[in-house]
PDB file of N, CA and C in Angstrom:
ATOM      1  N   UNK A   1      -1.877   8.598 -25.001  1.00  0.00           N
ATOM      2  CA  UNK A   1      -1.729   7.268 -24.446  1.00  0.00           C
ATOM      3  C   UNK A   1      -0.274   7.082 -24.012  1.00  0.00           C
ATOM      4  N   UNK A   2      -0.089   6.550 -22.821  1.00  0.00           N
ATOM      5  CA  UNK A   2       1.237   6.304 -22.278  1.00  0.00           C
ATOM      6  C   UNK A   2       1.731   4.944 -22.740  1.00  0.00           C
ATOM      7  N   UNK A   3       2.908   4.927 -23.306  1.00  0.00           N
ATOM      8  CA  UNK A   3       3.476   3.666 -23.762  1.00  0.00           C
ATOM      9  C   UNK A   3       4.849   3.500 -23.134  1.00  0.00           C
ATOM     10  N   UNK A   4       5.149   2.295 -22.684  1.00  0.00           N
ATOM     11  CA  UNK A   4       6.453   1.973 -22.125  1.00  0.00           C
ATOM     12  C   UNK A   4       7.087   0.867 -22.945  1.00  0.00           C
ATOM     13  N   UNK A   5       8.368   0.923 -23.069  1.00  0.00           N
ATOM     14  CA  UNK A   5       9.091  -0.147 -23.727  1.00  0.00           C
ATOM     15  C   UNK A   5      10.148  -0.658 -22.755  1.00  0.00           C
ATOM     16  N   UNK A   6      10.766  -1.780 -23.088  1.00  0.00           N
ATOM     17  CA  UNK A   6      11.800  -2.347 -22.228  1.00  0.00           C
ATOM     18  C   UNK A   6      12.917  -1.342 -21.982  1.00  0.00           C
ATOM     19  N   UNK A   7      13.196  -0.494 -22.963  1.00  0.00           N
ATOM     20  CA  UNK A   7      14.289   0.475 -22.820  1.00  0.00           C
ATOM     21  C   UNK A   7      13.940   1.575 -21.833  1.00  0.00           C
ATOM     22  N   UNK A   8      12.648   1.770 -21.538  1.00  0.00           N
ATOM     23  CA  UNK A   8      12.232   2.783 -20.569  1.00  0.00           C
ATOM     24  C   UNK A   8      12.512   2.349 -19.132  1.00  0.00           C
ATOM     25  N   UNK A   9      12.686   1.056 -18.897  1.00  0.00           N
ATOM     26  CA  UNK A   9      12.880   0.540 -17.545  1.00  0.00           C
ATOM     27  C   UNK A   9      14.301   0.783 -17.076  1.00  0.00           C
ATOM     28  N   UNK A  10      14.408   1.237 -15.840  1.00  0.00           N
ATOM     29  CA  UNK A  10      15.719   1.467 -15.235  1.00  0.00           C
ATOM     30  C   UNK A  10      16.012   0.343 -14.256  1.00  0.00           C
ATOM     31  N   UNK A  11      17.296   0.015 -14.029  1.00  0.00           N
ATOM     32  CA  UNK A  11      17.617  -1.041 -13.065  1.00  0.00           C
ATOM     33  C   UNK A  11      17.027  -0.719 -11.692  1.00  0.00           C
ATOM     34  N   UNK A  12      16.361  -1.695 -11.094  1.00  0.00           N
ATOM     35  CA  UNK A  12      15.775  -1.512  -9.779  1.00  0.00           C
ATOM     36  C   UNK A  12      14.462  -0.756  -9.768  1.00  0.00           C
ATOM     37  N   UNK A  13      13.942  -0.415 -10.948  1.00  0.00           N
ATOM     38  CA  UNK A  13      12.690   0.344 -11.028  1.00  0.00           C
ATOM     39  C   UNK A  13      11.543  -0.482 -10.467  1.00  0.00           C
ATOM     40  N   UNK A  14      10.603   0.186  -9.788  1.00  0.00           N
ATOM     41  CA  UNK A  14       9.432  -0.467  -9.218  1.00  0.00           C
ATOM     42  C   UNK A  14       8.174   0.000  -9.919  1.00  0.00           C
ATOM     43  N   UNK A  15       7.146  -0.840  -9.898  1.00  0.00           N
ATOM     44  CA  UNK A  15       5.830  -0.410 -10.394  1.00  0.00           C
ATOM     45  C   UNK A  15       5.178   0.510  -9.376  1.00  0.00           C
ATOM     46  N   UNK A  16       5.387   0.224  -8.114  1.00  0.00           N
ATOM     47  CA  UNK A  16       4.841   1.044  -7.036  1.00  0.00           C
ATOM     48  C   UNK A  16       5.814   0.974  -5.870  1.00  0.00           C
ATOM     49  N   UNK A  17       6.305   2.116  -5.412  1.00  0.00           N
ATOM     50  CA  UNK A  17       7.291   2.152  -4.343  1.00  0.00           C
ATOM     51  C   UNK A  17       6.726   1.735  -2.991  1.00  0.00           C
ATOM     52  N   UNK A  18       7.619   1.564  -2.010  1.00  0.00           N
ATOM     53  CA  UNK A  18       7.211   1.150  -0.671  1.00  0.00           C
ATOM     54  C   UNK A  18       6.231   2.151  -0.085  1.00  0.00           C
ATOM     55  N   UNK A  19       5.228   1.623   0.579  1.00  0.00           N
ATOM     56  CA  UNK A  19       4.215   2.466   1.210  1.00  0.00           C
ATOM     57  C   UNK A  19       3.479   1.644   2.259  1.00  0.00           C
ATOM     58  N   UNK A  20       2.691   2.310   3.060  1.00  0.00           N
ATOM     59  CA  UNK A  20       1.828   1.611   4.003  1.00  0.00           C
ATOM     60  C   UNK A  20       0.399   2.061   3.754  1.00  0.00           C
ATOM     61  N   UNK A  21      -0.534   1.192   4.071  1.00  0.00           N
ATOM     62  CA  UNK A  21      -1.935   1.542   3.946  1.00  0.00           C
ATOM     63  C   UNK A  21      -2.388   2.216   5.227  1.00  0.00           C
ATOM     64  N   UNK A  22      -3.438   3.002   5.145  1.00  0.00           N
ATOM     65  CA  UNK A  22      -3.885   3.788   6.292  1.00  0.00           C
ATOM     66  C   UNK A  22      -4.896   3.055   7.161  1.00  0.00           C
ATOM     67  N   UNK A  23      -5.475   1.992   6.671  1.00  0.00           N
ATOM     68  CA  UNK A  23      -6.531   1.306   7.402  1.00  0.00           C
ATOM     69  C   UNK A  23      -6.010   0.321   8.434  1.00  0.00           C
ATOM     70  N   UNK A  24      -6.931  -0.421   9.007  1.00  0.00           N
ATOM     71  CA  UNK A  24      -6.600  -1.392  10.038  1.00  0.00           C
ATOM     72  C   UNK A  24      -6.042  -2.672   9.442  1.00  0.00           C
ATOM     73  N   UNK A  25      -6.738  -3.216   8.451  1.00  0.00           N
ATOM     74  CA  UNK A  25      -6.347  -4.479   7.836  1.00  0.00           C
ATOM     75  C   UNK A  25      -6.479  -4.342   6.321  1.00  0.00           C
ATOM     76  N   UNK A  26      -5.522  -4.883   5.601  1.00  0.00           N
ATOM     77  CA  UNK A  26      -5.583  -4.909   4.146  1.00  0.00           C
ATOM     78  C   UNK A  26      -5.359  -6.341   3.682  1.00  0.00           C
ATOM     79  N   UNK A  27      -6.262  -6.853   2.874  1.00  0.00           N
ATOM     80  CA  UNK A  27      -6.076  -8.146   2.233  1.00  0.00           C
ATOM     81  C   UNK A  27      -5.737  -7.869   0.781  1.00  0.00           C
ATOM     82  N   UNK A  28      -4.701  -8.506   0.266  1.00  0.00           N
ATOM     83  CA  UNK A  28      -4.310  -8.297  -1.119  1.00  0.00           C
ATOM     84  C   UNK A  28      -4.168  -9.647  -1.797  1.00  0.00           C
ATOM     85  N   UNK A  29      -5.004  -9.886  -2.769  1.00  0.00           N
ATOM     86  CA  UNK A  29      -4.979 -11.129  -3.528  1.00  0.00           C
ATOM     87  C   UNK A  29      -4.392 -10.810  -4.893  1.00  0.00           C
ATOM     88  N   UNK A  30      -3.437 -11.614  -5.345  1.00  0.00           N
ATOM     89  CA  UNK A  30      -2.763 -11.305  -6.598  1.00  0.00           C
ATOM     90  C   UNK A  30      -2.538 -12.560  -7.416  1.00  0.00           C
ATOM     91  N   UNK A  31      -2.189 -12.335  -8.675  1.00  0.00           N
ATOM     92  CA  UNK A  31      -2.006 -13.455  -9.596  1.00  0.00           C
ATOM     93  C   UNK A  31      -0.543 -13.824  -9.800  1.00  0.00           C
ATOM     94  N   UNK A  32       0.391 -13.020  -9.292  1.00  0.00           N
ATOM     95  CA  UNK A  32       1.811 -13.337  -9.455  1.00  0.00           C
ATOM     96  C   UNK A  32       2.578 -12.965  -8.199  1.00  0.00           C
ATOM     97  N   UNK A  33       3.893 -12.988  -8.280  1.00  0.00           N
ATOM     98  CA  UNK A  33       4.712 -12.741  -7.087  1.00  0.00           C
ATOM     99  C   UNK A  33       5.361 -11.362  -7.101  1.00  0.00           C
ATOM    100  N   UNK A  34       4.689 -10.366  -7.639  1.00  0.00           N
ATOM    101  CA  UNK A  34       5.263  -9.033  -7.771  1.00  0.00           C
ATOM    102  C   UNK A  34       5.314  -8.228  -6.489  1.00  0.00           C
ATOM    103  N   UNK A  35       4.570  -8.662  -5.451  1.00  0.00           N
ATOM    104  CA  UNK A  35       4.511  -7.888  -4.218  1.00  0.00           C
ATOM    105  C   UNK A  35       5.628  -8.310  -3.268  1.00  0.00           C
ATOM    106  N   UNK A  36       6.427  -7.337  -2.793  1.00  0.00           N
ATOM    107  CA  UNK A  36       7.522  -7.586  -1.863  1.00  0.00           C
ATOM    108  C   UNK A  36       7.461  -6.537  -0.757  1.00  0.00           C
ATOM    109  N   UNK A  37       7.192  -6.923   0.506  1.00  0.00           N
ATOM    110  CA  UNK A  37       7.192  -5.951   1.618  1.00  0.00           C
ATOM    111  C   UNK A  37       6.415  -4.718   1.263  1.00  0.00           C
ATOM    112  N   UNK A  38       5.273  -4.860   0.606  1.00  0.00           N
ATOM    113  CA  UNK A  38       4.341  -3.815   0.223  1.00  0.00           C
ATOM    114  C   UNK A  38       4.940  -2.794  -0.745  1.00  0.00           C
ATOM    115  N   UNK A  39       5.657  -3.308  -1.707  1.00  0.00           N
ATOM    116  CA  UNK A  39       6.066  -2.551  -2.890  1.00  0.00           C
ATOM    117  C   UNK A  39       5.907  -3.505  -4.055  1.00  0.00           C
ATOM    118  N   UNK A  40       5.805  -2.998  -5.253  1.00  0.00           N
ATOM    119  CA  UNK A  40       5.569  -3.857  -6.412  1.00  0.00           C
ATOM    120  C   UNK A  40       6.754  -3.749  -7.357  1.00  0.00           C
ATOM    121  N   UNK A  41       7.453  -4.860  -7.540  1.00  0.00           N
ATOM    122  CA  UNK A  41       8.598  -4.902  -8.439  1.00  0.00           C
ATOM    123  C   UNK A  41       8.177  -5.047  -9.890  1.00  0.00           C
ATOM    124  N   UNK A  42       9.118  -4.819 -10.773  1.00  0.00           N
ATOM    125  CA  UNK A  42       8.852  -4.981 -12.199  1.00  0.00           C
ATOM    126  C   UNK A  42       8.846  -6.468 -12.526  1.00  0.00           C
ATOM    127  N   UNK A  43       8.029  -6.885 -13.475  1.00  0.00           N
ATOM    128  CA  UNK A  43       7.976  -8.295 -13.842  1.00  0.00           C
ATOM    129  C   UNK A  43       9.253  -8.742 -14.543  1.00  0.00           C
ATOM    130  N   UNK A  44       9.505 -10.023 -14.464  1.00  0.00           N
ATOM    131  CA  UNK A  44      10.679 -10.600 -15.122  1.00  0.00           C
ATOM    132  C   UNK A  44      10.234 -11.704 -16.080  1.00  0.00           C
ATOM    133  N   UNK A  45      11.108 -12.076 -16.977  1.00  0.00           N
ATOM    134  CA  UNK A  45      10.845 -13.185 -17.891  1.00  0.00           C
ATOM    135  C   UNK A  45       9.572 -12.998 -18.681  1.00  0.00           C
ATOM    136  N   UNK A  46       8.778 -14.071 -18.765  1.00  0.00           N
ATOM    137  CA  UNK A  46       7.555 -14.036 -19.568  1.00  0.00           C
ATOM    138  C   UNK A  46       6.492 -13.140 -18.950  1.00  0.00           C
ATOM    139  N   UNK A  47       6.624 -12.787 -17.669  1.00  0.00           N
ATOM    140  CA  UNK A  47       5.640 -11.921 -17.021  1.00  0.00           C
ATOM    141  C   UNK A  47       5.703 -10.483 -17.538  1.00  0.00           C
ATOM    142  N   UNK A  48       6.802 -10.093 -18.212  1.00  0.00           N
ATOM    143  CA  UNK A  48       6.935  -8.727 -18.716  1.00  0.00           C
ATOM    144  C   UNK A  48       5.822  -8.365 -19.682  1.00  0.00           C
ATOM    145  N   UNK A  49       5.283  -9.347 -20.386  1.00  0.00           N
ATOM    146  CA  UNK A  49       4.262  -9.088 -21.395  1.00  0.00           C
ATOM    147  C   UNK A  49       2.850  -9.197 -20.833  1.00  0.00           C
ATOM    148  N   UNK A  50       2.728  -9.548 -19.553  1.00  0.00           N
ATOM    149  CA  UNK A  50       1.413  -9.726 -18.950  1.00  0.00           C
ATOM    150  C   UNK A  50       1.068  -8.541 -18.053  1.00  0.00           C
ATOM    151  N   UNK A  51      -0.204  -8.220 -18.011  1.00  0.00           N
ATOM    152  CA  UNK A  51      -0.664  -7.210 -17.066  1.00  0.00           C
ATOM    153  C   UNK A  51      -0.674  -7.793 -15.656  1.00  0.00           C
ATOM    154  N   UNK A  52      -0.627  -6.931 -14.665  1.00  0.00           N
ATOM    155  CA  UNK A  52      -0.664  -7.381 -13.272  1.00  0.00           C
ATOM    156  C   UNK A  52      -2.031  -7.063 -12.706  1.00  0.00           C
ATOM    157  N   UNK A  53      -2.658  -8.058 -12.104  1.00  0.00           N
ATOM    158  CA  UNK A  53      -3.966  -7.845 -11.507  1.00  0.00           C
ATOM    159  C   UNK A  53      -3.929  -8.210 -10.040  1.00  0.00           C
ATOM    160  N   UNK A  54      -4.467  -7.345  -9.217  1.00  0.00           N
ATOM    161  CA  UNK A  54      -4.594  -7.581  -7.784  1.00  0.00           C
ATOM    162  C   UNK A  54      -5.965  -7.101  -7.348  1.00  0.00           C
ATOM    163  N   UNK A  55      -6.459  -7.709  -6.298  1.00  0.00           N
ATOM    164  CA  UNK A  55      -7.698  -7.247  -5.687  1.00  0.00           C
ATOM    165  C   UNK A  55      -7.363  -6.872  -4.256  1.00  0.00           C
ATOM    166  N   UNK A  56      -7.589  -5.615  -3.914  1.00  0.00           N
ATOM    167  CA  UNK A  56      -7.320  -5.140  -2.559  1.00  0.00           C
ATOM    168  C   UNK A  56      -8.639  -4.930  -1.833  1.00  0.00           C
ATOM    169  N   UNK A  57      -8.671  -5.340  -0.563  1.00  0.00           N
ATOM    170  CA  UNK A  57      -9.844  -5.164   0.283  1.00  0.00           C
ATOM    171  C   UNK A  57      -9.375  -4.507   1.570  1.00  0.00           C
ATOM    172  N   UNK A  58      -9.872  -3.322   1.858  1.00  0.00           N
ATOM    173  CA  UNK A  58      -9.444  -2.551   3.022  1.00  0.00           C
ATOM    174  C   UNK A  58     -10.522  -2.581   4.097  1.00  0.00           C
ATOM    175  N   UNK A  59     -10.114  -2.785   5.329  1.00  0.00           N
ATOM    176  CA  UNK A  59     -11.030  -2.755   6.463  1.00  0.00           C
ATOM    177  C   UNK A  59     -10.625  -1.586   7.346  1.00  0.00           C
ATOM    178  N   UNK A  60     -11.564  -0.700   7.612  1.00  0.00           N
ATOM    179  CA  UNK A  60     -11.298   0.480   8.429  1.00  0.00           C
ATOM    180  C   UNK A  60     -12.312   0.565   9.559  1.00  0.00           C
ATOM    181  N   UNK A  61     -11.893   1.066  10.714  1.00  0.00           N
ATOM    182  CA  UNK A  61     -12.846   1.247  11.819  1.00  0.00           C
ATOM    183  C   UNK A  61     -13.780   2.420  11.536  1.00  0.00           C
ATOM    184  N   UNK A  62     -14.873   2.494  12.277  1.00  0.00           N
ATOM    185  CA  UNK A  62     -15.773   3.647  12.191  1.00  0.00           C
ATOM    186  C   UNK A  62     -14.991   4.914  12.515  1.00  0.00           C
ATOM    187  N   UNK A  63     -15.441   6.042  11.966  1.00  0.00           N
ATOM    188  CA  UNK A  63     -14.740   7.315  12.149  1.00  0.00           C
ATOM    189  C   UNK A  63     -14.524   7.682  13.616  1.00  0.00           C
ATOM    190  N   UNK A  64     -15.471   7.361  14.478  1.00  0.00           N
ATOM    191  CA  UNK A  64     -15.391   7.762  15.889  1.00  0.00           C
ATOM    192  C   UNK A  64     -14.516   6.835  16.732  1.00  0.00           C
ATOM    193  N   UNK A  65     -14.092   5.710  16.185  1.00  0.00           N
ATOM    194  CA  UNK A  65     -13.310   4.747  16.956  1.00  0.00           C
ATOM    195  C   UNK A  65     -11.986   5.370  17.392  1.00  0.00           C
ATOM    196  N   UNK A  66     -11.665   5.217  18.671  1.00  0.00           N
ATOM    197  CA  UNK A  66     -10.399   5.713  19.202  1.00  0.00           C
ATOM    198  C   UNK A  66      -9.352   4.613  19.067  1.00  0.00           C
ATOM    199  N   UNK A  67      -8.252   4.949  18.426  1.00  0.00           N
ATOM    200  CA  UNK A  67      -7.151   4.006  18.232  1.00  0.00           C
ATOM    201  C   UNK A  67      -6.074   4.344  19.254  1.00  0.00           C
ATOM    202  N   UNK A  68      -5.660   3.332  20.041  1.00  0.00           N
ATOM    203  CA  UNK A  68      -4.640   3.564  21.062  1.00  0.00           C
ATOM    204  C   UNK A  68      -3.773   2.324  21.195  1.00  0.00           C
ATOM    205  N   UNK A  69      -2.662   2.453  21.864  1.00  0.00           N
ATOM    206  CA  UNK A  69      -1.720   1.340  22.051  1.00  0.00           C
ATOM    207  C   UNK A  69      -2.381   0.236  22.866  1.00  0.00           C
ATOM    208  N   UNK A  70      -2.352  -0.978  22.339  1.00  0.00           N
ATOM    209  CA  UNK A  70      -2.950  -2.112  23.035  1.00  0.00           C
ATOM    210  C   UNK A  70      -2.163  -2.505  24.279  1.00  0.00           C
ATOM    211  N   UNK A  71      -0.868  -2.226  24.275  1.00  0.00           N
ATOM    212  CA  UNK A  71      -0.038  -2.650  25.412  1.00  0.00           C
ATOM    213  C   UNK A  71      -0.073  -1.665  26.577  1.00  0.00           C
ATOM    214  N   UNK A  72      -0.848  -0.573  26.431  1.00  0.00           N
ATOM    215  CA  UNK A  72      -0.968   0.403  27.501  1.00  0.00           C
ATOM    216  C   UNK A  72       0.266   1.274  27.689  1.00  0.00           C
ATOM    217  N   UNK A  73       1.202   1.211  26.761  1.00  0.00           N
ATOM    218  CA  UNK A  73       2.463   1.950  26.893  1.00  0.00           C
ATOM    219  C   UNK A  73       2.295   3.453  26.700  1.00  0.00           C
ATOM    220  N   UNK A  74       1.260   3.861  25.990  1.00  0.00           N
ATOM    221  CA  UNK A  74       1.085   5.276  25.710  1.00  0.00           C
ATOM    222  C   UNK A  74       2.142   5.834  24.762  1.00  0.00           C
ATOM    223  N   UNK A  75       2.808   4.940  24.027  1.00  0.00           N
ATOM    224  CA  UNK A  75       3.851   5.374  23.084  1.00  0.00           C
ATOM    225  C   UNK A  75       3.297   6.379  22.078  1.00  0.00           C
ATOM    226  N   UNK A  76       2.064   6.172  21.675  1.00  0.00           N
ATOM    227  CA  UNK A  76       1.393   7.087  20.746  1.00  0.00           C
ATOM    228  C   UNK A  76       0.129   7.610  21.424  1.00  0.00           C
ATOM    229  N   UNK A  77      -0.183   8.878  21.201  1.00  0.00           N
ATOM    230  CA  UNK A  77      -1.403   9.471  21.745  1.00  0.00           C
ATOM    231  C   UNK A  77      -2.625   8.805  21.117  1.00  0.00           C
ATOM    232  N   UNK A  78      -3.665   8.541  21.901  1.00  0.00           N
ATOM    233  CA  UNK A  78      -4.899   8.027  21.301  1.00  0.00           C
ATOM    234  C   UNK A  78      -5.423   9.021  20.265  1.00  0.00           C
ATOM    235  N   UNK A  79      -6.019   8.505  19.202  1.00  0.00           N
ATOM    236  CA  UNK A  79      -6.517   9.350  18.117  1.00  0.00           C
ATOM    237  C   UNK A  79      -7.739   8.681  17.509  1.00  0.00           C
ATOM    238  N   UNK A  80      -8.695   9.481  17.068  1.00  0.00           N
ATOM    239  CA  UNK A  80      -9.860   8.896  16.403  1.00  0.00           C
ATOM    240  C   UNK A  80      -9.443   8.410  15.020  1.00  0.00           C
ATOM    241  N   UNK A  81     -10.173   7.437  14.542  1.00  0.00           N
ATOM    242  CA  UNK A  81      -9.870   6.865  13.234  1.00  0.00           C
ATOM    243  C   UNK A  81      -9.905   7.921  12.133  1.00  0.00           C
ATOM    244  N   UNK A  82     -10.904   8.800  12.173  1.00  0.00           N
ATOM    245  CA  UNK A  82     -11.023   9.819  11.118  1.00  0.00           C
ATOM    246  C   UNK A  82      -9.900  10.847  11.213  1.00  0.00           C
ATOM    247  N   UNK A  83      -9.481  11.206  12.443  1.00  0.00           N
ATOM    248  CA  UNK A  83      -8.377  12.158  12.587  1.00  0.00           C
ATOM    249  C   UNK A  83      -7.070  11.546  12.084  1.00  0.00           C
ATOM    250  N   UNK A  84      -6.868  10.258  12.338  1.00  0.00           N
ATOM    251  CA  UNK A  84      -5.667   9.588  11.845  1.00  0.00           C
ATOM    252  C   UNK A  84      -5.664   9.552  10.312  1.00  0.00           C
ATOM    253  N   UNK A  85      -6.804   9.191   9.735  1.00  0.00           N
ATOM    254  CA  UNK A  85      -6.908   9.150   8.272  1.00  0.00           C
ATOM    255  C   UNK A  85      -6.637  10.522   7.679  1.00  0.00           C
ATOM    256  N   UNK A  86      -7.242  11.562   8.239  1.00  0.00           N
ATOM    257  CA  UNK A  86      -7.023  12.914   7.728  1.00  0.00           C
ATOM    258  C   UNK A  86      -5.566  13.341   7.880  1.00  0.00           C
ATOM    259  N   UNK A  87      -4.921  12.951   8.975  1.00  0.00           N
ATOM    260  CA  UNK A  87      -3.510  13.276   9.180  1.00  0.00           C
ATOM    261  C   UNK A  87      -2.644  12.621   8.099  1.00  0.00           C
ATOM    262  N   UNK A  88      -2.887  11.324   7.866  1.00  0.00           N
ATOM    263  CA  UNK A  88      -2.106  10.608   6.864  1.00  0.00           C
ATOM    264  C   UNK A  88      -2.350  11.150   5.459  1.00  0.00           C
ATOM    265  N   UNK A  89      -3.586  11.448   5.137  1.00  0.00           N
ATOM    266  CA  UNK A  89      -3.883  12.024   3.812  1.00  0.00           C
ATOM    267  C   UNK A  89      -3.223  13.385   3.660  1.00  0.00           C
ATOM    268  N   UNK A  90      -3.217  14.177   4.736  1.00  0.00           N
ATOM    269  CA  UNK A  90      -2.551  15.477   4.701  1.00  0.00           C
ATOM    270  C   UNK A  90      -1.050  15.360   4.466  1.00  0.00           C
ATOM    271  N   UNK A  91      -0.433  14.319   5.037  1.00  0.00           N
ATOM    272  CA  UNK A  91       0.996  14.081   4.836  1.00  0.00           C
ATOM    273  C   UNK A  91       1.296  13.619   3.411  1.00  0.00           C
ATOM    274  N   UNK A  92       0.342  12.893   2.831  1.00  0.00           N
ATOM    275  CA  UNK A  92       0.535  12.331   1.486  1.00  0.00           C
ATOM    276  C   UNK A  92       0.276  13.358   0.400  1.00  0.00           C
ATOM    277  N   UNK A  93      -0.785  14.137   0.568  1.00  0.00           N
ATOM    278  CA  UNK A  93      -1.186  15.066  -0.480  1.00  0.00           C
ATOM    279  C   UNK A  93      -0.937  16.465  -0.022  1.00  0.00           C
TER     280      UNK A  93
END
């Protein structure tokens, strides 16, 4: 069993570092103010003794959907949703 104490925390430590989600839209409902620019800070004050609960809901396009620049700039090559997901997972893992 993993146990943490106050002495284990380092200044500036995060519960979850900055990251982006791979889907189209993410809704995140939470019970406190721990989320900052899609990273999770350590709790302060009386929140240190409470667990953090969030509910995440991800919306993703069908695998065959082609994702491309809406402004027509061609800044990024069009890519299927499944190829983009596989690319991002490959970069992560």
